[in-house]
Protein backbone atom coordinates (compact mmCIF):
# COMPACT_ATOMS: atom_id res chain seq x y z
CA UNK A 1 0.00 0.00 0.00
CA UNK A 2 2.71 2.47 1.00
CA UNK A 3 4.79 1.38 -2.00
CA UNK A 4 1.82 1.96 -4.32
CA UNK A 5 1.28 5.47 -2.94
CA UNK A 6 4.98 6.29 -3.26
CA UNK A 7 4.94 5.05 -6.87
CA UNK A 8 1.89 7.19 -7.69
CA UNK A 9 3.47 10.26 -6.12
CA UNK A 10 6.69 9.70 -8.05
CA UNK A 11 4.78 9.22 -11.29
CA UNK A 12 2.78 12.40 -10.68
CA UNK A 13 6.00 14.30 -9.93
CA UNK A 14 7.60 12.93 -13.09
CA UNK A 15 4.60 14.00 -15.19
CA UNK A 16 4.67 17.44 -13.58
CA UNK A 17 8.39 17.77 -14.29
CA UNK A 18 7.87 16.77 -17.92
CA UNK A 19 5.02 19.25 -18.30
CA UNK A 20 7.15 22.01 -16.75
CA UNK A 21 10.00 21.15 -19.13
CA UNK A 22 7.62 21.22 -22.11
CA UNK A 23 6.33 24.64 -21.06
CA UNK A 24 9.88 25.97 -20.65
CA UNK A 25 10.85 24.68 -24.09
CA UNK A 26 7.77 26.25 -25.64
CA UNK A 27 8.51 29.55 -23.90
CA UNK A 28 12.09 29.43 -25.17
CA UNK A 29 10.88 28.80 -28.74
CA UNK A 30 8.50 31.75 -28.47
CA UNK A 31 11.29 34.02 -27.22
CA UNK A 32 13.54 32.89 -30.07
CA UNK A 33 10.76 33.55 -32.59
CA UNK A 34 10.21 37.05 -31.17
CA UNK A 35 13.95 37.71 -31.35
CA UNK A 36 14.07 36.57 -34.99
CA UNK A 37 11.11 38.81 -35.80
CA UNK A 38 12.84 41.80 -34.19
CA UNK A 39 16.04 41.10 -36.10
CA UNK A 40 14.13 40.75 -39.37
CA UNK A 41 12.27 44.01 -38.74
CA UNK A 42 15.55 45.78 -37.99
CA UNK A 43 17.09 44.34 -41.17
CA UNK A 44 14.13 45.49 -43.26
CA UNK A 45 14.26 48.96 -41.70
CA UNK A 46 17.98 49.23 -42.44
CA UNK A 47 17.42 48.18 -46.06
CA UNK A 48 14.62 50.73 -46.44
CA UNK A 49 16.82 53.47 -44.99
CA UNK A 50 19.66 52.51 -47.34
CA UNK A 51 17.29 52.58 -50.31
CA UNK A 52 15.92 55.98 -49.28
CA UNK A 53 19.46 57.30 -48.89
CA UNK A 54 20.44 55.96 -52.32
CA UNK A 55 17.31 57.52 -53.85
CA UNK A 56 18.13 60.88 -52.26
CA UNK A 57 21.69 60.71 -53.59
CA UNK A 58 20.42 59.81 -57.05
CA UNK A 59 17.81 62.53 -57.09
CA UNK A 60 20.37 65.10 -55.94
CA UNK A 61 22.65 64.09 -58.79
CA UNK A 62 19.85 64.40 -61.33
CA UNK A 63 18.71 67.80 -60.11
CA UNK A 64 22.13 69.44 -60.14
CA UNK A 65 23.20 71.16 -63.28
CA UNK A 66 26.55 70.27 -64.73
CA UNK A 67 29.46 72.17 -63.27
CA UNK A 68 30.68 74.98 -65.47
CA UNK A 69 33.93 74.48 -67.24
CA UNK A 70 36.43 77.23 -66.66
CA UNK A 71 38.83 76.09 -69.35
CA UNK A 72 41.70 75.09 -67.13
PDB file of N, CA and C in Angstrom:
ATOM      1  N   UNK A   1       0.833  -1.207   0.000  1.00  0.00           N
ATOM      2  CA  UNK A   1       0.000   0.000   0.000  1.00  0.00           C
ATOM      3  C   UNK A   1       0.871   1.263   0.000  1.00  0.00           C
ATOM      4  N   UNK A   2       1.809   1.313   0.947  1.00  0.00           N
ATOM      5  CA  UNK A   2       2.713   2.466   1.000  1.00  0.00           C
ATOM      6  C   UNK A   2       3.543   2.561  -0.282  1.00  0.00           C
ATOM      7  N   UNK A   3       3.998   1.424  -0.761  1.00  0.00           N
ATOM      8  CA  UNK A   3       4.789   1.385  -1.997  1.00  0.00           C
ATOM      9  C   UNK A   3       3.969   1.890  -3.185  1.00  0.00           C
ATOM     10  N   UNK A   4       2.704   1.514  -3.248  1.00  0.00           N
ATOM     11  CA  UNK A   4       1.816   1.963  -4.322  1.00  0.00           C
ATOM     12  C   UNK A   4       1.632   3.477  -4.272  1.00  0.00           C
ATOM     13  N   UNK A   5       1.428   4.016  -3.086  1.00  0.00           N
ATOM     14  CA  UNK A   5       1.280   5.473  -2.936  1.00  0.00           C
ATOM     15  C   UNK A   5       2.562   6.197  -3.339  1.00  0.00           C
ATOM     16  N   UNK A   6       3.694   5.678  -2.915  1.00  0.00           N
ATOM     17  CA  UNK A   6       4.979   6.289  -3.264  1.00  0.00           C
ATOM     18  C   UNK A   6       5.161   6.267  -4.786  1.00  0.00           C
ATOM     19  N   UNK A   7       4.816   5.153  -5.413  1.00  0.00           N
ATOM     20  CA  UNK A   7       4.938   5.046  -6.866  1.00  0.00           C
ATOM     21  C   UNK A   7       4.038   6.049  -7.572  1.00  0.00           C
ATOM     22  N   UNK A   8       2.821   6.215  -7.098  1.00  0.00           N
ATOM     23  CA  UNK A   8       1.892   7.186  -7.691  1.00  0.00           C
ATOM     24  C   UNK A   8       2.406   8.613  -7.538  1.00  0.00           C
ATOM     25  N   UNK A   9       2.925   8.907  -6.358  1.00  0.00           N
ATOM     26  CA  UNK A   9       3.466  10.255  -6.122  1.00  0.00           C
ATOM     27  C   UNK A   9       4.650  10.510  -7.051  1.00  0.00           C
ATOM     28  N   UNK A  10       5.538   9.539  -7.167  1.00  0.00           N
ATOM     29  CA  UNK A  10       6.695   9.700  -8.048  1.00  0.00           C
ATOM     30  C   UNK A  10       6.259   9.879  -9.498  1.00  0.00           C
ATOM     31  N   UNK A  11       5.289   9.106  -9.917  1.00  0.00           N
ATOM     32  CA  UNK A  11       4.782   9.222 -11.288  1.00  0.00           C
ATOM     33  C   UNK A  11       4.158  10.600 -11.518  1.00  0.00           C
ATOM     34  N   UNK A  12       3.388  11.077 -10.563  1.00  0.00           N
ATOM     35  CA  UNK A  12       2.780  12.405 -10.677  1.00  0.00           C
ATOM     36  C   UNK A  12       3.872  13.479 -10.731  1.00  0.00           C
ATOM     37  N   UNK A  13       4.897  13.328  -9.924  1.00  0.00           N
ATOM     38  CA  UNK A  13       6.002  14.303  -9.930  1.00  0.00           C
ATOM     39  C   UNK A  13       6.744  14.265 -11.265  1.00  0.00           C
ATOM     40  N   UNK A  14       6.924  13.057 -11.802  1.00  0.00           N
ATOM     41  CA  UNK A  14       7.597  12.928 -13.092  1.00  0.00           C
ATOM     42  C   UNK A  14       6.776  13.589 -14.198  1.00  0.00           C
ATOM     43  N   UNK A  15       5.461  13.355 -14.195  1.00  0.00           N
ATOM     44  CA  UNK A  15       4.596  13.996 -15.191  1.00  0.00           C
ATOM     45  C   UNK A  15       4.633  15.516 -15.048  1.00  0.00           C
ATOM     46  N   UNK A  16       4.612  15.989 -13.828  1.00  0.00           N
ATOM     47  CA  UNK A  16       4.666  17.439 -13.580  1.00  0.00           C
ATOM     48  C   UNK A  16       5.984  18.025 -14.087  1.00  0.00           C
ATOM     49  N   UNK A  17       7.075  17.305 -13.826  1.00  0.00           N
ATOM     50  CA  UNK A  17       8.386  17.771 -14.286  1.00  0.00           C
ATOM     51  C   UNK A  17       8.438  17.807 -15.815  1.00  0.00           C
ATOM     52  N   UNK A  18       7.885  16.793 -16.457  1.00  0.00           N
ATOM     53  CA  UNK A  18       7.870  16.771 -17.921  1.00  0.00           C
ATOM     54  C   UNK A  18       7.019  17.908 -18.485  1.00  0.00           C
ATOM     55  N   UNK A  19       5.885  18.150 -17.860  1.00  0.00           N
ATOM     56  CA  UNK A  19       5.015  19.251 -18.303  1.00  0.00           C
ATOM     57  C   UNK A  19       5.724  20.599 -18.129  1.00  0.00           C
ATOM     58  N   UNK A  20       6.418  20.763 -17.000  1.00  0.00           N
ATOM     59  CA  UNK A  20       7.154  22.006 -16.752  1.00  0.00           C
ATOM     60  C   UNK A  20       8.255  22.181 -17.801  1.00  0.00           C
ATOM     61  N   UNK A  21       8.944  21.088 -18.112  1.00  0.00           N
ATOM     62  CA  UNK A  21      10.002  21.147 -19.130  1.00  0.00           C
ATOM     63  C   UNK A  21       9.412  21.508 -20.493  1.00  0.00           C
ATOM     64  N   UNK A  22       8.270  20.916 -20.829  1.00  0.00           N
ATOM     65  CA  UNK A  22       7.616  21.216 -22.106  1.00  0.00           C
ATOM     66  C   UNK A  22       7.242  22.695 -22.189  1.00  0.00           C
ATOM     67  N   UNK A  23       6.703  23.220 -21.083  1.00  0.00           N
ATOM     68  CA  UNK A  23       6.326  24.641 -21.061  1.00  0.00           C
ATOM     69  C   UNK A  23       7.548  25.537 -21.205  1.00  0.00           C
ATOM     70  N   UNK A  24       8.643  25.175 -20.554  1.00  0.00           N
ATOM     71  CA  UNK A  24       9.875  25.968 -20.650  1.00  0.00           C
ATOM     72  C   UNK A  24      10.407  25.952 -22.081  1.00  0.00           C
ATOM     73  N   UNK A  25      10.378  24.781 -22.716  1.00  0.00           N
ATOM     74  CA  UNK A  25      10.854  24.681 -24.093  1.00  0.00           C
ATOM     75  C   UNK A  25       9.974  25.500 -25.031  1.00  0.00           C
ATOM     76  N   UNK A  26       8.683  25.461 -24.813  1.00  0.00           N
ATOM     77  CA  UNK A  26       7.767  26.253 -25.637  1.00  0.00           C
ATOM     78  C   UNK A  26       8.021  27.747 -25.442  1.00  0.00           C
ATOM     79  N   UNK A  27       8.216  28.144 -24.199  1.00  0.00           N
ATOM     80  CA  UNK A  27       8.507  29.550 -23.897  1.00  0.00           C
ATOM     81  C   UNK A  27       9.811  29.977 -24.584  1.00  0.00           C
ATOM     82  N   UNK A  28      10.813  29.117 -24.537  1.00  0.00           N
ATOM     83  CA  UNK A  28      12.094  29.426 -25.174  1.00  0.00           C
ATOM     84  C   UNK A  28      11.919  29.578 -26.686  1.00  0.00           C
ATOM     85  N   UNK A  29      11.134  28.688 -27.292  1.00  0.00           N
ATOM     86  CA  UNK A  29      10.882  28.797 -28.742  1.00  0.00           C
ATOM     87  C   UNK A  29      10.170  30.111 -29.070  1.00  0.00           C
ATOM     88  N   UNK A  30       9.213  30.493 -28.234  1.00  0.00           N
ATOM     89  CA  UNK A  30       8.502  31.753 -28.473  1.00  0.00           C
ATOM     90  C   UNK A  30       9.440  32.944 -28.362  1.00  0.00           C
ATOM     91  N   UNK A  31      10.323  32.926 -27.360  1.00  0.00           N
ATOM     92  CA  UNK A  31      11.286  34.019 -27.218  1.00  0.00           C
ATOM     93  C   UNK A  31      12.234  34.079 -28.411  1.00  0.00           C
ATOM     94  N   UNK A  32      12.664  32.915 -28.896  1.00  0.00           N
ATOM     95  CA  UNK A  32      13.541  32.888 -30.073  1.00  0.00           C
ATOM     96  C   UNK A  32      12.815  33.422 -31.298  1.00  0.00           C
ATOM     97  N   UNK A  33      11.541  33.067 -31.450  1.00  0.00           N
ATOM     98  CA  UNK A  33      10.762  33.548 -32.588  1.00  0.00           C
ATOM     99  C   UNK A  33      10.617  35.075 -32.518  1.00  0.00           C
ATOM    100  N   UNK A  34      10.337  35.598 -31.336  1.00  0.00           N
ATOM    101  CA  UNK A  34      10.208  37.052 -31.173  1.00  0.00           C
ATOM    102  C   UNK A  34      11.528  37.725 -31.513  1.00  0.00           C
ATOM    103  N   UNK A  35      12.631  37.145 -31.055  1.00  0.00           N
ATOM    104  CA  UNK A  35      13.950  37.713 -31.350  1.00  0.00           C
ATOM    105  C   UNK A  35      14.210  37.723 -32.849  1.00  0.00           C
ATOM    106  N   UNK A  36      13.877  36.616 -33.532  1.00  0.00           N
ATOM    107  CA  UNK A  36      14.068  36.569 -34.990  1.00  0.00           C
ATOM    108  C   UNK A  36      13.210  37.621 -35.684  1.00  0.00           C
ATOM    109  N   UNK A  37      11.975  37.805 -35.199  1.00  0.00           N
ATOM    110  CA  UNK A  37      11.106  38.813 -35.804  1.00  0.00           C
ATOM    111  C   UNK A  37      11.676  40.210 -35.613  1.00  0.00           C
ATOM    112  N   UNK A  38      12.222  40.485 -34.434  1.00  0.00           N
ATOM    113  CA  UNK A  38      12.836  41.796 -34.186  1.00  0.00           C
ATOM    114  C   UNK A  38      14.034  42.009 -35.098  1.00  0.00           C
ATOM    115  N   UNK A  39      14.862  40.972 -35.234  1.00  0.00           N
ATOM    116  CA  UNK A  39      16.038  41.096 -36.097  1.00  0.00           C
ATOM    117  C   UNK A  39      15.632  41.309 -37.544  1.00  0.00           C
ATOM    118  N   UNK A  40      14.604  40.599 -37.989  1.00  0.00           N
ATOM    119  CA  UNK A  40      14.128  40.747 -39.367  1.00  0.00           C
ATOM    120  C   UNK A  40      13.563  42.148 -39.589  1.00  0.00           C
ATOM    121  N   UNK A  41      12.821  42.655 -38.615  1.00  0.00           N
ATOM    122  CA  UNK A  41      12.267  44.009 -38.739  1.00  0.00           C
ATOM    123  C   UNK A  41      13.390  45.038 -38.798  1.00  0.00           C
ATOM    124  N   UNK A  42      14.417  44.849 -37.978  1.00  0.00           N
ATOM    125  CA  UNK A  42      15.552  45.784 -37.993  1.00  0.00           C
ATOM    126  C   UNK A  42      16.278  45.707 -39.330  1.00  0.00           C
ATOM    127  N   UNK A  43      16.426  44.497 -39.870  1.00  0.00           N
ATOM    128  CA  UNK A  43      17.089  44.335 -41.168  1.00  0.00           C
ATOM    129  C   UNK A  43      16.292  45.019 -42.277  1.00  0.00           C
ATOM    130  N   UNK A  44      14.963  44.842 -42.244  1.00  0.00           N
ATOM    131  CA  UNK A  44      14.125  45.493 -43.264  1.00  0.00           C
ATOM    132  C   UNK A  44      14.209  47.008 -43.135  1.00  0.00           C
ATOM    133  N   UNK A  45      14.182  47.513 -41.915  1.00  0.00           N
ATOM    134  CA  UNK A  45      14.257  48.957 -41.703  1.00  0.00           C
ATOM    135  C   UNK A  45      15.582  49.507 -42.231  1.00  0.00           C
ATOM    136  N   UNK A  46      16.668  48.786 -41.965  1.00  0.00           N
ATOM    137  CA  UNK A  46      17.976  49.234 -42.442  1.00  0.00           C
ATOM    138  C   UNK A  46      18.003  49.255 -43.970  1.00  0.00           C
ATOM    139  N   UNK A  47      17.462  48.212 -44.590  1.00  0.00           N
ATOM    140  CA  UNK A  47      17.421  48.179 -46.060  1.00  0.00           C
ATOM    141  C   UNK A  47      16.596  49.332 -46.616  1.00  0.00           C
ATOM    142  N   UNK A  48      15.454  49.614 -45.988  1.00  0.00           N
ATOM    143  CA  UNK A  48      14.621  50.732 -46.439  1.00  0.00           C
ATOM    144  C   UNK A  48      15.366  52.050 -46.310  1.00  0.00           C
ATOM    145  N   UNK A  49      16.066  52.233 -45.189  1.00  0.00           N
ATOM    146  CA  UNK A  49      16.824  53.472 -44.994  1.00  0.00           C
ATOM    147  C   UNK A  49      17.937  53.596 -46.027  1.00  0.00           C
ATOM    148  N   UNK A  50      18.605  52.469 -46.327  1.00  0.00           N
ATOM    149  CA  UNK A  50      19.664  52.511 -47.341  1.00  0.00           C
ATOM    150  C   UNK A  50      19.088  52.845 -48.715  1.00  0.00           C
ATOM    151  N   UNK A  51      17.922  52.277 -49.025  1.00  0.00           N
ATOM    152  CA  UNK A  51      17.286  52.581 -50.311  1.00  0.00           C
ATOM    153  C   UNK A  51      16.892  54.052 -50.384  1.00  0.00           C
ATOM    154  N   UNK A  52      16.316  54.572 -49.301  1.00  0.00           N
ATOM    155  CA  UNK A  52      15.924  55.984 -49.283  1.00  0.00           C
ATOM    156  C   UNK A  52      17.146  56.878 -49.448  1.00  0.00           C
ATOM    157  N   UNK A  53      18.227  56.514 -48.778  1.00  0.00           N
ATOM    158  CA  UNK A  53      19.458  57.301 -48.892  1.00  0.00           C
ATOM    159  C   UNK A  53      19.973  57.271 -50.334  1.00  0.00           C
ATOM    160  N   UNK A  54      19.983  56.080 -50.933  1.00  0.00           N
ATOM    161  CA  UNK A  54      20.442  55.962 -52.319  1.00  0.00           C
ATOM    162  C   UNK A  54      19.542  56.771 -53.252  1.00  0.00           C
ATOM    163  N   UNK A  55      18.234  56.736 -53.012  1.00  0.00           N
ATOM    164  CA  UNK A  55      17.314  57.517 -53.845  1.00  0.00           C
ATOM    165  C   UNK A  55      17.559  59.012 -53.695  1.00  0.00           C
ATOM    166  N   UNK A  56      17.834  59.455 -52.469  1.00  0.00           N
ATOM    167  CA  UNK A  56      18.127  60.880 -52.262  1.00  0.00           C
ATOM    168  C   UNK A  56      19.405  61.271 -52.996  1.00  0.00           C
ATOM    169  N   UNK A  57      20.416  60.432 -52.901  1.00  0.00           N
ATOM    170  CA  UNK A  57      21.687  60.713 -53.592  1.00  0.00           C
ATOM    171  C   UNK A  57      21.447  60.785 -55.103  1.00  0.00           C
ATOM    172  N   UNK A  58      20.692  59.821 -55.616  1.00  0.00           N
ATOM    173  CA  UNK A  58      20.418  59.806 -57.054  1.00  0.00           C
ATOM    174  C   UNK A  58      19.620  61.030 -57.477  1.00  0.00           C
ATOM    175  N   UNK A  59      18.625  61.390 -56.685  1.00  0.00           N
ATOM    176  CA  UNK A  59      17.814  62.533 -57.087  1.00  0.00           C
ATOM    177  C   UNK A  59      18.611  63.830 -56.969  1.00  0.00           C
ATOM    178  N   UNK A  60      19.518  63.917 -56.032  1.00  0.00           N
ATOM    179  CA  UNK A  60      20.374  65.103 -55.938  1.00  0.00           C
ATOM    180  C   UNK A  60      21.252  65.209 -57.178  1.00  0.00           C
ATOM    181  N   UNK A  61      21.782  64.085 -57.605  1.00  0.00           N
ATOM    182  CA  UNK A  61      22.646  64.090 -58.790  1.00  0.00           C
ATOM    183  C   UNK A  61      21.880  64.464 -60.039  1.00  0.00           C
ATOM    184  N   UNK A  62      20.643  64.096 -60.142  1.00  0.00           N
ATOM    185  CA  UNK A  62      19.852  64.404 -61.329  1.00  0.00           C
ATOM    186  C   UNK A  62      19.404  65.858 -61.336  1.00  0.00           C
ATOM    187  N   UNK A  63      19.206  66.434 -60.184  1.00  0.00           N
ATOM    188  CA  UNK A  63      18.709  67.805 -60.109  1.00  0.00           C
ATOM    189  C   UNK A  63      19.811  68.845 -60.271  1.00  0.00           C
ATOM    190  N   UNK A  64      21.036  68.462 -60.019  1.00  0.00           N
ATOM    191  CA  UNK A  64      22.128  69.442 -60.138  1.00  0.00           C
ATOM    192  C   UNK A  64      22.457  69.667 -61.613  1.00  0.00           C
ATOM    193  N   UNK A  65      22.750  70.894 -61.919  1.00  0.00           N
ATOM    194  CA  UNK A  65      23.201  71.163 -63.283  1.00  0.00           C
ATOM    195  C   UNK A  65      24.687  70.802 -63.358  1.00  0.00           C
ATOM    196  N   UNK A  66      25.146  70.646 -64.575  1.00  0.00           N
ATOM    197  CA  UNK A  66      26.548  70.265 -64.728  1.00  0.00           C
ATOM    198  C   UNK A  66      27.428  71.431 -64.292  1.00  0.00           C
ATOM    199  N   UNK A  67      28.554  71.090 -63.670  1.00  0.00           N
ATOM    200  CA  UNK A  67      29.463  72.170 -63.271  1.00  0.00           C
ATOM    201  C   UNK A  67      30.008  72.901 -64.499  1.00  0.00           C
ATOM    202  N   UNK A  68      30.178  74.182 -64.355  1.00  0.00           N
ATOM    203  CA  UNK A  68      30.679  74.983 -65.474  1.00  0.00           C
ATOM    204  C   UNK A  68      32.158  74.698 -65.687  1.00  0.00           C
ATOM    205  N   UNK A  69      32.524  74.683 -66.906  1.00  0.00           N
ATOM    206  CA  UNK A  69      33.929  74.481 -67.237  1.00  0.00           C
ATOM    207  C   UNK A  69      34.600  75.844 -67.307  1.00  0.00           C
ATOM    208  N   UNK A  70      35.726  75.947 -66.670  1.00  0.00           N
ATOM    209  CA  UNK A  70      36.427  77.234 -66.656  1.00  0.00           C
ATOM    210  C   UNK A  70      37.637  77.211 -67.583  1.00  0.00           C
ATOM    211  N   UNK A  71      37.784  76.152 -68.352  1.00  0.00           N
ATOM    212  CA  UNK A  71      38.827  76.093 -69.351  1.00  0.00           C
ATOM    213  C   UNK A  71      40.215  75.940 -68.784  1.00  0.00           C
ATOM    214  N   UNK A  72      40.349  75.279 -67.698  1.00  0.00           N
ATOM    215  CA  UNK A  72      41.695  75.093 -67.133  1.00  0.00           C
ATOM    216  C   UNK A  72      42.489  74.128 -67.932  1.00  0.00           C
TER     217      UNK A  72
END
